[in-house]
Amino acid sequence: MMRGMGNMQGMMKQMQKMQKEMMKEQEALNEKEFIGRSTNDLVKVVFSGDKTMKSMKINPELIDPEDPDMLQDMIILAVNDALTTISKETEQTMGKYTKGLPGF
């Protein structure tokens, strides 16, 4: 009976250790910068890993009052590019923790 309790404690310690590692990796991801680009780098956006936009650079040639749609499309492309990169890297980094765990 007591041996079972020891295993349980060992498992809890293991889980806590894993949780600490997960948090550390998540923090590192959050601090990392991800750059999203539109076609020909006309729009460049910088996000942190927690999906917060930090900056945006727009090529002045793209700012055409006659064609706001083009600018909007390029911004959307760049933002989605950055978010896709963040998602992929988060999945690669954090995926090893969630594999085989119920509820993930």
N, C-alpha and C. Protein backbone atom coordinates (compact mmCIF):
# COMPACT_ATOMS: atom_id res chain seq x y z
N MET A 1 0.83 -1.20 0.00
CA MET A 1 0.00 0.00 0.00
C MET A 1 0.88 1.26 0.00
N MET A 2 1.91 1.29 0.84
CA MET A 2 2.77 2.47 0.94
C MET A 2 3.54 2.71 -0.36
N ARG A 3 3.91 1.60 -1.03
CA ARG A 3 4.68 1.76 -2.27
C ARG A 3 3.91 2.56 -3.31
N GLY A 4 2.62 2.34 -3.35
CA GLY A 4 1.76 3.07 -4.29
C GLY A 4 1.82 4.57 -4.04
N MET A 5 1.85 4.96 -2.75
CA MET A 5 1.91 6.37 -2.39
C MET A 5 3.23 6.99 -2.86
N GLY A 6 4.32 6.25 -2.72
CA GLY A 6 5.63 6.72 -3.16
C GLY A 6 5.64 7.02 -4.65
N ASN A 7 5.02 6.11 -5.40
CA ASN A 7 4.92 6.31 -6.85
C ASN A 7 4.14 7.57 -7.18
N MET A 8 3.07 7.78 -6.43
CA MET A 8 2.22 8.94 -6.64
C MET A 8 3.03 10.22 -6.40
N GLN A 9 3.81 10.25 -5.33
CA GLN A 9 4.64 11.42 -5.02
C GLN A 9 5.67 11.64 -6.11
N GLY A 10 6.27 10.57 -6.56
CA GLY A 10 7.26 10.64 -7.63
C GLY A 10 6.65 11.24 -8.89
N MET A 11 5.42 10.78 -9.19
CA MET A 11 4.71 11.29 -10.36
C MET A 11 4.42 12.78 -10.21
N MET A 12 4.00 13.18 -9.00
CA MET A 12 3.68 14.59 -8.75
C MET A 12 4.94 15.45 -8.92
N LYS A 13 6.06 14.97 -8.39
CA LYS A 13 7.33 15.70 -8.54
C LYS A 13 7.67 15.85 -10.02
N GLN A 14 7.51 14.75 -10.76
CA GLN A 14 7.78 14.74 -12.19
C GLN A 14 6.90 15.77 -12.91
N MET A 15 5.63 15.81 -12.54
CA MET A 15 4.68 16.74 -13.15
C MET A 15 5.07 18.18 -12.85
N GLN A 16 5.45 18.44 -11.61
CA GLN A 16 5.85 19.80 -11.21
C GLN A 16 7.09 20.23 -11.98
N LYS A 17 8.03 19.31 -12.13
CA LYS A 17 9.26 19.60 -12.86
C LYS A 17 8.91 19.93 -14.32
N MET A 18 8.03 19.13 -14.89
CA MET A 18 7.62 19.33 -16.27
C MET A 18 6.90 20.67 -16.42
N GLN A 19 6.09 21.00 -15.44
CA GLN A 19 5.34 22.26 -15.47
C GLN A 19 6.30 23.45 -15.44
N LYS A 20 7.33 23.36 -14.60
CA LYS A 20 8.34 24.42 -14.52
C LYS A 20 9.04 24.59 -15.86
N GLU A 21 9.42 23.46 -16.47
CA GLU A 21 10.10 23.50 -17.77
C GLU A 21 9.19 24.11 -18.83
N MET A 22 7.91 23.71 -18.81
CA MET A 22 6.94 24.25 -19.75
C MET A 22 6.84 25.77 -19.62
N MET A 23 6.75 26.24 -18.38
CA MET A 23 6.62 27.67 -18.12
C MET A 23 7.85 28.41 -18.62
N LYS A 24 9.03 27.82 -18.38
CA LYS A 24 10.27 28.45 -18.81
C LYS A 24 10.30 28.58 -20.33
N GLU A 25 9.92 27.49 -21.01
CA GLU A 25 9.93 27.51 -22.48
C GLU A 25 8.88 28.47 -23.02
N GLN A 26 7.72 28.53 -22.36
CA GLN A 26 6.67 29.45 -22.79
C GLN A 26 7.14 30.90 -22.64
N GLU A 27 7.82 31.19 -21.53
CA GLU A 27 8.35 32.54 -21.31
C GLU A 27 9.38 32.89 -22.38
N ALA A 28 10.24 31.94 -22.69
CA ALA A 28 11.26 32.17 -23.72
C ALA A 28 10.59 32.45 -25.06
N LEU A 29 9.54 31.69 -25.37
CA LEU A 29 8.80 31.91 -26.61
C LEU A 29 8.17 33.31 -26.62
N ASN A 30 7.60 33.70 -25.47
CA ASN A 30 6.93 34.99 -25.38
C ASN A 30 7.89 36.15 -25.62
N GLU A 31 9.16 35.96 -25.22
CA GLU A 31 10.13 37.03 -25.35
C GLU A 31 10.76 37.08 -26.74
N LYS A 32 10.63 35.99 -27.46
CA LYS A 32 11.24 35.89 -28.78
C LYS A 32 10.48 36.79 -29.77
N GLU A 33 11.20 37.29 -30.76
CA GLU A 33 10.55 38.12 -31.78
C GLU A 33 10.29 37.31 -33.04
N PHE A 34 9.10 37.49 -33.58
CA PHE A 34 8.70 36.82 -34.80
C PHE A 34 8.37 37.88 -35.83
N ILE A 35 8.96 37.74 -37.02
CA ILE A 35 8.75 38.74 -38.06
C ILE A 35 7.82 38.15 -39.12
N GLY A 36 6.79 38.92 -39.45
CA GLY A 36 5.88 38.53 -40.53
C GLY A 36 6.11 39.47 -41.69
N ARG A 37 6.05 38.90 -42.89
CA ARG A 37 6.31 39.70 -44.08
C ARG A 37 5.21 39.50 -45.10
N SER A 38 4.91 40.58 -45.82
CA SER A 38 4.00 40.44 -46.95
C SER A 38 4.85 40.25 -48.20
N THR A 39 4.19 40.16 -49.32
CA THR A 39 4.86 40.04 -50.61
C THR A 39 5.94 41.11 -50.73
N ASN A 40 7.11 40.73 -51.18
CA ASN A 40 8.25 41.65 -51.39
C ASN A 40 8.62 42.47 -50.16
N ASP A 41 8.29 41.98 -48.98
CA ASP A 41 8.60 42.70 -47.73
C ASP A 41 8.02 44.12 -47.70
N LEU A 42 6.93 44.34 -48.41
CA LEU A 42 6.34 45.69 -48.45
C LEU A 42 5.81 46.08 -47.07
N VAL A 43 5.33 45.08 -46.34
CA VAL A 43 4.93 45.31 -44.95
C VAL A 43 5.66 44.29 -44.10
N LYS A 44 6.27 44.77 -43.02
CA LYS A 44 6.93 43.88 -42.07
C LYS A 44 6.37 44.18 -40.68
N VAL A 45 5.98 43.13 -39.99
CA VAL A 45 5.47 43.29 -38.63
C VAL A 45 6.32 42.45 -37.69
N VAL A 46 6.43 42.91 -36.46
CA VAL A 46 7.18 42.16 -35.45
C VAL A 46 6.22 41.86 -34.30
N PHE A 47 6.15 40.59 -33.95
CA PHE A 47 5.31 40.13 -32.85
C PHE A 47 6.20 39.48 -31.81
N SER A 48 5.76 39.50 -30.56
CA SER A 48 6.39 38.65 -29.55
C SER A 48 5.64 37.32 -29.59
N GLY A 49 6.20 36.31 -28.95
CA GLY A 49 5.63 34.97 -28.98
C GLY A 49 4.25 34.86 -28.36
N ASP A 50 3.87 35.85 -27.54
CA ASP A 50 2.52 35.81 -26.97
C ASP A 50 1.52 36.56 -27.86
N LYS A 51 1.89 36.72 -29.13
CA LYS A 51 1.02 37.28 -30.17
C LYS A 51 0.69 38.76 -29.93
N THR A 52 1.65 39.49 -29.37
CA THR A 52 1.49 40.93 -29.21
C THR A 52 2.32 41.61 -30.31
N MET A 53 1.67 42.50 -31.08
CA MET A 53 2.41 43.18 -32.13
C MET A 53 3.28 44.26 -31.52
N LYS A 54 4.56 44.27 -31.90
CA LYS A 54 5.50 45.24 -31.34
C LYS A 54 5.78 46.38 -32.31
N SER A 55 5.82 46.06 -33.59
CA SER A 55 6.08 47.12 -34.56
C SER A 55 5.58 46.72 -35.94
N MET A 56 5.46 47.73 -36.78
CA MET A 56 5.04 47.52 -38.17
C MET A 56 5.79 48.52 -39.04
N LYS A 57 6.38 48.02 -40.12
CA LYS A 57 7.03 48.91 -41.08
C LYS A 57 6.30 48.77 -42.41
N ILE A 58 5.91 49.89 -42.97
CA ILE A 58 5.21 49.88 -44.25
C ILE A 58 6.07 50.62 -45.27
N ASN A 59 6.34 49.98 -46.37
CA ASN A 59 7.09 50.62 -47.45
C ASN A 59 6.25 51.80 -47.97
N PRO A 60 6.81 53.01 -47.98
CA PRO A 60 6.07 54.20 -48.39
C PRO A 60 5.44 54.08 -49.78
N GLU A 61 6.06 53.30 -50.66
CA GLU A 61 5.50 53.13 -52.02
C GLU A 61 4.11 52.50 -51.96
N LEU A 62 3.85 51.79 -50.87
CA LEU A 62 2.58 51.06 -50.74
C LEU A 62 1.44 51.98 -50.32
N ILE A 63 1.78 53.15 -49.82
CA ILE A 63 0.76 54.06 -49.29
C ILE A 63 0.21 54.89 -50.44
N ASP A 64 -0.83 54.34 -51.05
CA ASP A 64 -1.47 54.99 -52.19
C ASP A 64 -2.91 55.29 -51.82
N PRO A 65 -3.25 56.58 -51.69
CA PRO A 65 -4.62 56.95 -51.30
C PRO A 65 -5.67 56.38 -52.25
N GLU A 66 -5.25 56.13 -53.49
CA GLU A 66 -6.18 55.60 -54.49
C GLU A 66 -6.44 54.11 -54.29
N ASP A 67 -5.54 53.45 -53.56
CA ASP A 67 -5.63 51.99 -53.45
C ASP A 67 -5.40 51.51 -52.01
N PRO A 68 -6.32 51.88 -51.11
CA PRO A 68 -6.15 51.44 -49.72
C PRO A 68 -6.26 49.92 -49.56
N ASP A 69 -6.99 49.27 -50.48
CA ASP A 69 -7.17 47.82 -50.39
C ASP A 69 -5.85 47.07 -50.46
N MET A 70 -4.96 47.54 -51.33
CA MET A 70 -3.65 46.91 -51.49
C MET A 70 -2.89 46.94 -50.16
N LEU A 71 -2.87 48.09 -49.52
CA LEU A 71 -2.19 48.25 -48.24
C LEU A 71 -2.80 47.33 -47.19
N GLN A 72 -4.12 47.31 -47.12
CA GLN A 72 -4.80 46.45 -46.15
C GLN A 72 -4.45 44.98 -46.38
N ASP A 73 -4.47 44.56 -47.65
CA ASP A 73 -4.14 43.17 -47.97
C ASP A 73 -2.72 42.82 -47.53
N MET A 74 -1.78 43.74 -47.77
CA MET A 74 -0.39 43.48 -47.40
C MET A 74 -0.22 43.40 -45.88
N ILE A 75 -0.94 44.24 -45.15
CA ILE A 75 -0.87 44.21 -43.68
C ILE A 75 -1.41 42.87 -43.18
N ILE A 76 -2.55 42.45 -43.74
CA ILE A 76 -3.16 41.17 -43.34
C ILE A 76 -2.20 40.02 -43.63
N LEU A 77 -1.57 40.05 -44.81
CA LEU A 77 -0.60 39.01 -45.17
C LEU A 77 0.53 38.94 -44.16
N ALA A 78 1.09 40.10 -43.83
CA ALA A 78 2.24 40.14 -42.92
C ALA A 78 1.85 39.66 -41.53
N VAL A 79 0.70 40.11 -41.04
CA VAL A 79 0.23 39.72 -39.70
C VAL A 79 -0.02 38.22 -39.65
N ASN A 80 -0.71 37.70 -40.65
CA ASN A 80 -0.99 36.26 -40.67
C ASN A 80 0.28 35.44 -40.79
N ASP A 81 1.27 35.96 -41.53
CA ASP A 81 2.55 35.29 -41.66
C ASP A 81 3.22 35.16 -40.29
N ALA A 82 3.23 36.25 -39.54
CA ALA A 82 3.84 36.23 -38.20
C ALA A 82 3.09 35.27 -37.28
N LEU A 83 1.76 35.34 -37.28
CA LEU A 83 0.97 34.49 -36.38
C LEU A 83 1.14 33.01 -36.72
N THR A 84 1.25 32.70 -38.00
CA THR A 84 1.48 31.31 -38.42
C THR A 84 2.81 30.81 -37.90
N THR A 85 3.84 31.66 -38.01
CA THR A 85 5.17 31.28 -37.53
C THR A 85 5.15 31.05 -36.02
N ILE A 86 4.47 31.93 -35.29
CA ILE A 86 4.37 31.77 -33.83
C ILE A 86 3.67 30.46 -33.49
N SER A 87 2.57 30.17 -34.17
CA SER A 87 1.82 28.94 -33.90
C SER A 87 2.67 27.71 -34.16
N LYS A 88 3.40 27.70 -35.28
CA LYS A 88 4.24 26.55 -35.62
C LYS A 88 5.32 26.34 -34.56
N GLU A 89 5.99 27.44 -34.19
CA GLU A 89 7.08 27.31 -33.22
C GLU A 89 6.55 26.92 -31.85
N THR A 90 5.39 27.47 -31.47
CA THR A 90 4.78 27.11 -30.19
C THR A 90 4.44 25.63 -30.19
N GLU A 91 3.88 25.15 -31.30
CA GLU A 91 3.52 23.74 -31.42
C GLU A 91 4.76 22.85 -31.31
N GLN A 92 5.85 23.25 -31.99
CA GLN A 92 7.09 22.46 -31.95
C GLN A 92 7.68 22.46 -30.54
N THR A 93 7.67 23.63 -29.90
CA THR A 93 8.30 23.75 -28.58
C THR A 93 7.45 23.11 -27.50
N MET A 94 6.16 23.43 -27.48
CA MET A 94 5.29 22.97 -26.40
C MET A 94 4.66 21.61 -26.69
N GLY A 95 4.66 21.22 -27.96
CA GLY A 95 4.02 19.96 -28.35
C GLY A 95 4.56 18.75 -27.62
N LYS A 96 5.87 18.79 -27.31
CA LYS A 96 6.45 17.62 -26.64
C LYS A 96 5.88 17.41 -25.24
N TYR A 97 5.35 18.49 -24.65
CA TYR A 97 4.76 18.37 -23.31
C TYR A 97 3.33 17.85 -23.37
N THR A 98 2.64 18.18 -24.47
CA THR A 98 1.23 17.84 -24.52
C THR A 98 0.97 16.49 -25.19
N LYS A 99 1.98 15.93 -25.88
CA LYS A 99 1.80 14.63 -26.52
C LYS A 99 1.43 13.58 -25.48
N GLY A 100 0.36 12.90 -25.73
CA GLY A 100 -0.02 11.79 -24.87
C GLY A 100 -0.67 12.20 -23.55
N LEU A 101 -0.84 13.51 -23.34
CA LEU A 101 -1.55 13.93 -22.13
C LEU A 101 -3.03 14.07 -22.45
N PRO A 102 -3.88 13.54 -21.59
CA PRO A 102 -5.31 13.67 -21.86
C PRO A 102 -5.73 15.14 -21.78
N GLY A 103 -6.66 15.50 -22.63
CA GLY A 103 -7.20 16.85 -22.57
C GLY A 103 -6.43 17.88 -23.39
N PHE A 104 -5.41 17.45 -24.10
CA PHE A 104 -4.67 18.41 -24.94
C PHE A 104 -4.88 18.12 -26.41
